[in-house]
Amino acid sequence: MKYKNFEEYLQEAHAKHYTGTDDDMPEAYEHWLLDLDTLIPYADAYGEIKKLEGVNLASEIIKNC
């Protein structure tokens, strides 16, 4: 699946593993983002996905700033 950006990738990753109620999901996502030890593997995986798509992440980051 192609992702528009890293945030979309993270939202989907969080949703796949989330087990609470829909009402609590946004707050759980925000809390989940604060756990850098959890996010680093997702960042690495997203980088690999973009590399396989032929996307230069540095250019993408600059474009989205």
PDB file of N, CA and C in Angstrom:
ATOM      1  N   MET A   1       0.834  -1.178   0.000  1.00  0.00           N
ATOM      2  CA  MET A   1       0.000   0.000   0.000  1.00  0.00           C
ATOM      3  C   MET A   1       0.880   1.244   0.000  1.00  0.00           C
ATOM      4  N   LYS A   2       0.492   2.231  -0.764  1.00  0.00           N
ATOM      5  CA  LYS A   2       1.229   3.487  -0.781  1.00  0.00           C
ATOM      6  C   LYS A   2       0.652   4.424   0.268  1.00  0.00           C
ATOM      7  N   TYR A   3       1.540   5.072   0.976  1.00  0.00           N
ATOM      8  CA  TYR A   3       1.149   6.026   2.017  1.00  0.00           C
ATOM      9  C   TYR A   3       1.509   7.426   1.555  1.00  0.00           C
ATOM     10  N   LYS A   4       0.633   8.388   1.835  1.00  0.00           N
ATOM     11  CA  LYS A   4       0.906   9.776   1.458  1.00  0.00           C
ATOM     12  C   LYS A   4       2.052  10.342   2.267  1.00  0.00           C
ATOM     13  N   ASN A   5       2.153   9.922   3.535  1.00  0.00           N
ATOM     14  CA  ASN A   5       3.191  10.456   4.407  1.00  0.00           C
ATOM     15  C   ASN A   5       3.389   9.537   5.613  1.00  0.00           C
ATOM     16  N   PHE A   6       4.362   9.883   6.424  1.00  0.00           N
ATOM     17  CA  PHE A   6       4.695   9.061   7.592  1.00  0.00           C
ATOM     18  C   PHE A   6       3.547   9.025   8.593  1.00  0.00           C
ATOM     19  N   GLU A   7       2.858  10.133   8.743  1.00  0.00           N
ATOM     20  CA  GLU A   7       1.744  10.176   9.699  1.00  0.00           C
ATOM     21  C   GLU A   7       0.643   9.188   9.302  1.00  0.00           C
ATOM     22  N   GLU A   8       0.318   9.123   8.029  1.00  0.00           N
ATOM     23  CA  GLU A   8      -0.686   8.164   7.568  1.00  0.00           C
ATOM     24  C   GLU A   8      -0.233   6.736   7.857  1.00  0.00           C
ATOM     25  N   TYR A   9       1.047   6.468   7.645  1.00  0.00           N
ATOM     26  CA  TYR A   9       1.609   5.147   7.928  1.00  0.00           C
ATOM     27  C   TYR A   9       1.474   4.818   9.414  1.00  0.00           C
ATOM     28  N   LEU A  10       1.809   5.788  10.272  1.00  0.00           N
ATOM     29  CA  LEU A  10       1.717   5.557  11.708  1.00  0.00           C
ATOM     30  C   LEU A  10       0.280   5.354  12.166  1.00  0.00           C
ATOM     31  N   GLN A  11      -0.641   6.117  11.610  1.00  0.00           N
ATOM     32  CA  GLN A  11      -2.047   5.967  11.985  1.00  0.00           C
ATOM     33  C   GLN A  11      -2.550   4.564  11.657  1.00  0.00           C
ATOM     34  N   GLU A  12      -2.172   4.054  10.500  1.00  0.00           N
ATOM     35  CA  GLU A  12      -2.585   2.704  10.134  1.00  0.00           C
ATOM     36  C   GLU A  12      -1.912   1.662  11.021  1.00  0.00           C
ATOM     37  N   ALA A  13      -0.633   1.853  11.306  1.00  0.00           N
ATOM     38  CA  ALA A  13       0.083   0.917  12.168  1.00  0.00           C
ATOM     39  C   ALA A  13      -0.559   0.876  13.556  1.00  0.00           C
ATOM     40  N   HIS A  14      -0.905   2.040  14.096  1.00  0.00           N
ATOM     41  CA  HIS A  14      -1.537   2.090  15.410  1.00  0.00           C
ATOM     42  C   HIS A  14      -2.903   1.409  15.368  1.00  0.00           C
ATOM     43  N   ALA A  15      -3.683   1.673  14.336  1.00  0.00           N
ATOM     44  CA  ALA A  15      -5.024   1.099  14.224  1.00  0.00           C
ATOM     45  C   ALA A  15      -4.984  -0.429  14.154  1.00  0.00           C
ATOM     46  N   LYS A  16      -3.969  -0.981  13.490  1.00  0.00           N
ATOM     47  CA  LYS A  16      -3.864  -2.435  13.369  1.00  0.00           C
ATOM     48  C   LYS A  16      -3.703  -3.119  14.724  1.00  0.00           C
ATOM     49  N   HIS A  17      -3.063  -2.436  15.669  1.00  0.00           N
ATOM     50  CA  HIS A  17      -2.758  -3.048  16.954  1.00  0.00           C
ATOM     51  C   HIS A  17      -3.625  -2.523  18.097  1.00  0.00           C
ATOM     52  N   TYR A  18      -4.481  -1.567  17.808  1.00  0.00           N
ATOM     53  CA  TYR A  18      -5.298  -0.952  18.842  1.00  0.00           C
ATOM     54  C   TYR A  18      -6.452  -1.871  19.227  1.00  0.00           C
ATOM     55  N   THR A  19      -6.702  -2.001  20.548  1.00  0.00           N
ATOM     56  CA  THR A  19      -7.744  -2.904  21.016  1.00  0.00           C
ATOM     57  C   THR A  19      -8.805  -2.207  21.865  1.00  0.00           C
ATOM     58  N   GLY A  20      -8.722  -0.898  22.015  1.00  0.00           N
ATOM     59  CA  GLY A  20      -9.702  -0.182  22.831  1.00  0.00           C
ATOM     60  C   GLY A  20     -10.926   0.232  22.040  1.00  0.00           C
ATOM     61  N   THR A  21     -11.668   1.177  22.615  1.00  0.00           N
ATOM     62  CA  THR A  21     -12.876   1.663  21.952  1.00  0.00           C
ATOM     63  C   THR A  21     -12.536   2.769  20.960  1.00  0.00           C
ATOM     64  N   ASP A  22     -13.439   2.997  20.021  1.00  0.00           N
ATOM     65  CA  ASP A  22     -13.236   4.052  19.026  1.00  0.00           C
ATOM     66  C   ASP A  22     -13.140   5.421  19.672  1.00  0.00           C
ATOM     67  N   ASP A  23     -13.891   5.632  20.762  1.00  0.00           N
ATOM     68  CA  ASP A  23     -13.878   6.922  21.446  1.00  0.00           C
ATOM     69  C   ASP A  23     -12.510   7.253  22.032  1.00  0.00           C
ATOM     70  N   ASP A  24     -11.794   6.230  22.474  1.00  0.00           N
ATOM     71  CA  ASP A  24     -10.493   6.440  23.112  1.00  0.00           C
ATOM     72  C   ASP A  24      -9.315   6.395  22.137  1.00  0.00           C
ATOM     73  N   MET A  25      -9.575   6.038  20.900  1.00  0.00           N
ATOM     74  CA  MET A  25      -8.490   5.828  19.940  1.00  0.00           C
ATOM     75  C   MET A  25      -7.631   7.075  19.692  1.00  0.00           C
ATOM     76  N   PRO A  26      -8.211   8.263  19.478  1.00  0.00           N
ATOM     77  CA  PRO A  26      -7.350   9.427  19.236  1.00  0.00           C
ATOM     78  C   PRO A  26      -6.396   9.719  20.394  1.00  0.00           C
ATOM     79  N   GLU A  27      -6.886   9.622  21.617  1.00  0.00           N
ATOM     80  CA  GLU A  27      -6.019   9.865  22.783  1.00  0.00           C
ATOM     81  C   GLU A  27      -4.956   8.776  22.903  1.00  0.00           C
ATOM     82  N   ALA A  28      -5.329   7.537  22.630  1.00  0.00           N
ATOM     83  CA  ALA A  28      -4.364   6.436  22.673  1.00  0.00           C
ATOM     84  C   ALA A  28      -3.282   6.623  21.610  1.00  0.00           C
ATOM     85  N   TYR A  29      -3.676   7.111  20.433  1.00  0.00           N
ATOM     86  CA  TYR A  29      -2.710   7.365  19.363  1.00  0.00           C
ATOM     87  C   TYR A  29      -1.714   8.444  19.783  1.00  0.00           C
ATOM     88  N   GLU A  30      -2.214   9.520  20.356  1.00  0.00           N
ATOM     89  CA  GLU A  30      -1.330  10.604  20.811  1.00  0.00           C
ATOM     90  C   GLU A  30      -0.350  10.089  21.861  1.00  0.00           C
ATOM     91  N   HIS A  31      -0.817   9.276  22.762  1.00  0.00           N
ATOM     92  CA  HIS A  31       0.054   8.701  23.797  1.00  0.00           C
ATOM     93  C   HIS A  31       1.076   7.758  23.172  1.00  0.00           C
ATOM     94  N   TRP A  32       0.645   6.977  22.214  1.00  0.00           N
ATOM     95  CA  TRP A  32       1.507   6.024  21.518  1.00  0.00           C
ATOM     96  C   TRP A  32       2.642   6.742  20.791  1.00  0.00           C
ATOM     97  N   LEU A  33       2.351   7.926  20.238  1.00  0.00           N
ATOM     98  CA  LEU A  33       3.375   8.700  19.530  1.00  0.00           C
ATOM     99  C   LEU A  33       4.510   9.150  20.441  1.00  0.00           C
ATOM    100  N   LEU A  34       4.261   9.259  21.731  1.00  0.00           N
ATOM    101  CA  LEU A  34       5.277   9.717  22.674  1.00  0.00           C
ATOM    102  C   LEU A  34       6.290   8.632  23.012  1.00  0.00           C
ATOM    103  N   ASP A  35       6.008   7.389  22.672  1.00  0.00           N
ATOM    104  CA  ASP A  35       6.907   6.276  22.974  1.00  0.00           C
ATOM    105  C   ASP A  35       7.892   6.075  21.817  1.00  0.00           C
ATOM    106  N   LEU A  36       9.035   6.750  21.908  1.00  0.00           N
ATOM    107  CA  LEU A  36      10.015   6.706  20.814  1.00  0.00           C
ATOM    108  C   LEU A  36      10.570   5.309  20.564  1.00  0.00           C
ATOM    109  N   ASP A  37      10.675   4.507  21.610  1.00  0.00           N
ATOM    110  CA  ASP A  37      11.174   3.144  21.418  1.00  0.00           C
ATOM    111  C   ASP A  37      10.229   2.333  20.525  1.00  0.00           C
ATOM    112  N   THR A  38       8.963   2.665  20.558  1.00  0.00           N
ATOM    113  CA  THR A  38       7.986   2.007  19.697  1.00  0.00           C
ATOM    114  C   THR A  38       8.048   2.559  18.281  1.00  0.00           C
ATOM    115  N   LEU A  39       8.264   3.864  18.155  1.00  0.00           N
ATOM    116  CA  LEU A  39       8.213   4.507  16.843  1.00  0.00           C
ATOM    117  C   LEU A  39       9.428   4.242  15.963  1.00  0.00           C
ATOM    118  N   ILE A  40      10.574   4.049  16.559  1.00  0.00           N
ATOM    119  CA  ILE A  40      11.806   3.882  15.769  1.00  0.00           C
ATOM    120  C   ILE A  40      11.695   2.725  14.774  1.00  0.00           C
ATOM    121  N   PRO A  41      11.223   1.546  15.182  1.00  0.00           N
ATOM    122  CA  PRO A  41      11.088   0.470  14.175  1.00  0.00           C
ATOM    123  C   PRO A  41      10.110   0.818  13.048  1.00  0.00           C
ATOM    124  N   TYR A  42       9.056   1.571  13.380  1.00  0.00           N
ATOM    125  CA  TYR A  42       8.110   1.991  12.341  1.00  0.00           C
ATOM    126  C   TYR A  42       8.760   2.995  11.390  1.00  0.00           C
ATOM    127  N   ALA A  43       9.582   3.868  11.925  1.00  0.00           N
ATOM    128  CA  ALA A  43      10.296   4.829  11.083  1.00  0.00           C
ATOM    129  C   ALA A  43      11.245   4.095  10.138  1.00  0.00           C
ATOM    130  N   ASP A  44      11.948   3.110  10.653  1.00  0.00           N
ATOM    131  CA  ASP A  44      12.843   2.311   9.813  1.00  0.00           C
ATOM    132  C   ASP A  44      12.065   1.581   8.718  1.00  0.00           C
ATOM    133  N   ALA A  45      10.939   0.995   9.089  1.00  0.00           N
ATOM    134  CA  ALA A  45      10.126   0.259   8.119  1.00  0.00           C
ATOM    135  C   ALA A  45       9.569   1.208   7.052  1.00  0.00           C
ATOM    136  N   TYR A  46       9.124   2.390   7.464  1.00  0.00           N
ATOM    137  CA  TYR A  46       8.603   3.363   6.507  1.00  0.00           C
ATOM    138  C   TYR A  46       9.708   3.797   5.539  1.00  0.00           C
ATOM    139  N   GLY A  47      10.896   3.989   6.063  1.00  0.00           N
ATOM    140  CA  GLY A  47      12.023   4.342   5.202  1.00  0.00           C
ATOM    141  C   GLY A  47      12.302   3.276   4.168  1.00  0.00           C
ATOM    142  N   GLU A  48      12.211   2.016   4.555  1.00  0.00           N
ATOM    143  CA  GLU A  48      12.425   0.917   3.611  1.00  0.00           C
ATOM    144  C   GLU A  48      11.320   0.877   2.554  1.00  0.00           C
ATOM    145  N   ILE A  49      10.089   1.118   2.972  1.00  0.00           N
ATOM    146  CA  ILE A  49       8.980   1.146   2.010  1.00  0.00           C
ATOM    147  C   ILE A  49       9.223   2.242   0.978  1.00  0.00           C
ATOM    148  N   LYS A  50       9.588   3.416   1.441  1.00  0.00           N
ATOM    149  CA  LYS A  50       9.815   4.540   0.525  1.00  0.00           C
ATOM    150  C   LYS A  50      11.015   4.283  -0.376  1.00  0.00           C
ATOM    151  N   LYS A  51      12.028   3.629   0.158  1.00  0.00           N
ATOM    152  CA  LYS A  51      13.197   3.303  -0.660  1.00  0.00           C
ATOM    153  C   LYS A  51      12.805   2.360  -1.793  1.00  0.00           C
ATOM    154  N   LEU A  52      11.975   1.369  -1.479  1.00  0.00           N
ATOM    155  CA  LEU A  52      11.504   0.443  -2.505  1.00  0.00           C
ATOM    156  C   LEU A  52      10.634   1.145  -3.544  1.00  0.00           C
ATOM    157  N   GLU A  53       9.928   2.203  -3.130  1.00  0.00           N
ATOM    158  CA  GLU A  53       9.117   2.990  -4.061  1.00  0.00           C
ATOM    159  C   GLU A  53       9.971   3.968  -4.865  1.00  0.00           C
ATOM    160  N   GLY A  54      11.250   4.077  -4.524  1.00  0.00           N
ATOM    161  CA  GLY A  54      12.132   4.991  -5.229  1.00  0.00           C
ATOM    162  C   GLY A  54      11.999   6.437  -4.787  1.00  0.00           C
ATOM    163  N   VAL A  55      11.501   6.644  -3.578  1.00  0.00           N
ATOM    164  CA  VAL A  55      11.283   7.988  -3.057  1.00  0.00           C
ATOM    165  C   VAL A  55      12.496   8.420  -2.234  1.00  0.00           C
ATOM    166  N   ASN A  56      12.936   9.645  -2.460  1.00  0.00           N
ATOM    167  CA  ASN A  56      14.002  10.233  -1.660  1.00  0.00           C
ATOM    168  C   ASN A  56      13.357  10.880  -0.438  1.00  0.00           C
ATOM    169  N   LEU A  57      13.541  10.294   0.742  1.00  0.00           N
ATOM    170  CA  LEU A  57      12.876  10.799   1.939  1.00  0.00           C
ATOM    171  C   LEU A  57      13.293  12.213   2.299  1.00  0.00           C
ATOM    172  N   ALA A  58      14.529  12.567   2.057  1.00  0.00           N
ATOM    173  CA  ALA A  58      14.972  13.934   2.365  1.00  0.00           C
ATOM    174  C   ALA A  58      14.162  14.941   1.560  1.00  0.00           C
ATOM    175  N   SER A  59      13.952  14.654   0.295  1.00  0.00           N
ATOM    176  CA  SER A  59      13.148  15.548  -0.548  1.00  0.00           C
ATOM    177  C   SER A  59      11.701  15.594  -0.069  1.00  0.00           C
ATOM    178  N   GLU A  60      11.172  14.451   0.337  1.00  0.00           N
ATOM    179  CA  GLU A  60       9.794  14.401   0.820  1.00  0.00           C
ATOM    180  C   GLU A  60       9.626  15.225   2.102  1.00  0.00           C
ATOM    181  N   ILE A  61      10.586  15.123   2.990  1.00  0.00           N
ATOM    182  CA  ILE A  61      10.516  15.873   4.254  1.00  0.00           C
ATOM    183  C   ILE A  61      10.561  17.367   3.981  1.00  0.00           C
ATOM    184  N   ILE A  62      11.462  17.786   3.129  1.00  0.00           N
ATOM    185  CA  ILE A  62      11.582  19.212   2.805  1.00  0.00           C
ATOM    186  C   ILE A  62      10.308  19.715   2.137  1.00  0.00           C
ATOM    187  N   LYS A  63       9.742  18.936   1.245  1.00  0.00           N
ATOM    188  CA  LYS A  63       8.529  19.314   0.533  1.00  0.00           C
ATOM    189  C   LYS A  63       7.354  19.498   1.497  1.00  0.00           C
ATOM    190  N   ASN A  64       7.305  18.700   2.557  1.00  0.00           N
ATOM    191  CA  ASN A  64       6.176  18.740   3.481  1.00  0.00           C
ATOM    192  C   ASN A  64       6.350  19.704   4.636  1.00  0.00           C
ATOM    193  N   CYS A  65       7.455  20.417   4.657  1.00  0.00           N
ATOM    194  CA  CYS A  65       7.675  21.376   5.749  1.00  0.00           C
ATOM    195  C   CYS A  65       7.000  22.710   5.450  1.00  0.00           C
TER     196      CYS A  65
END
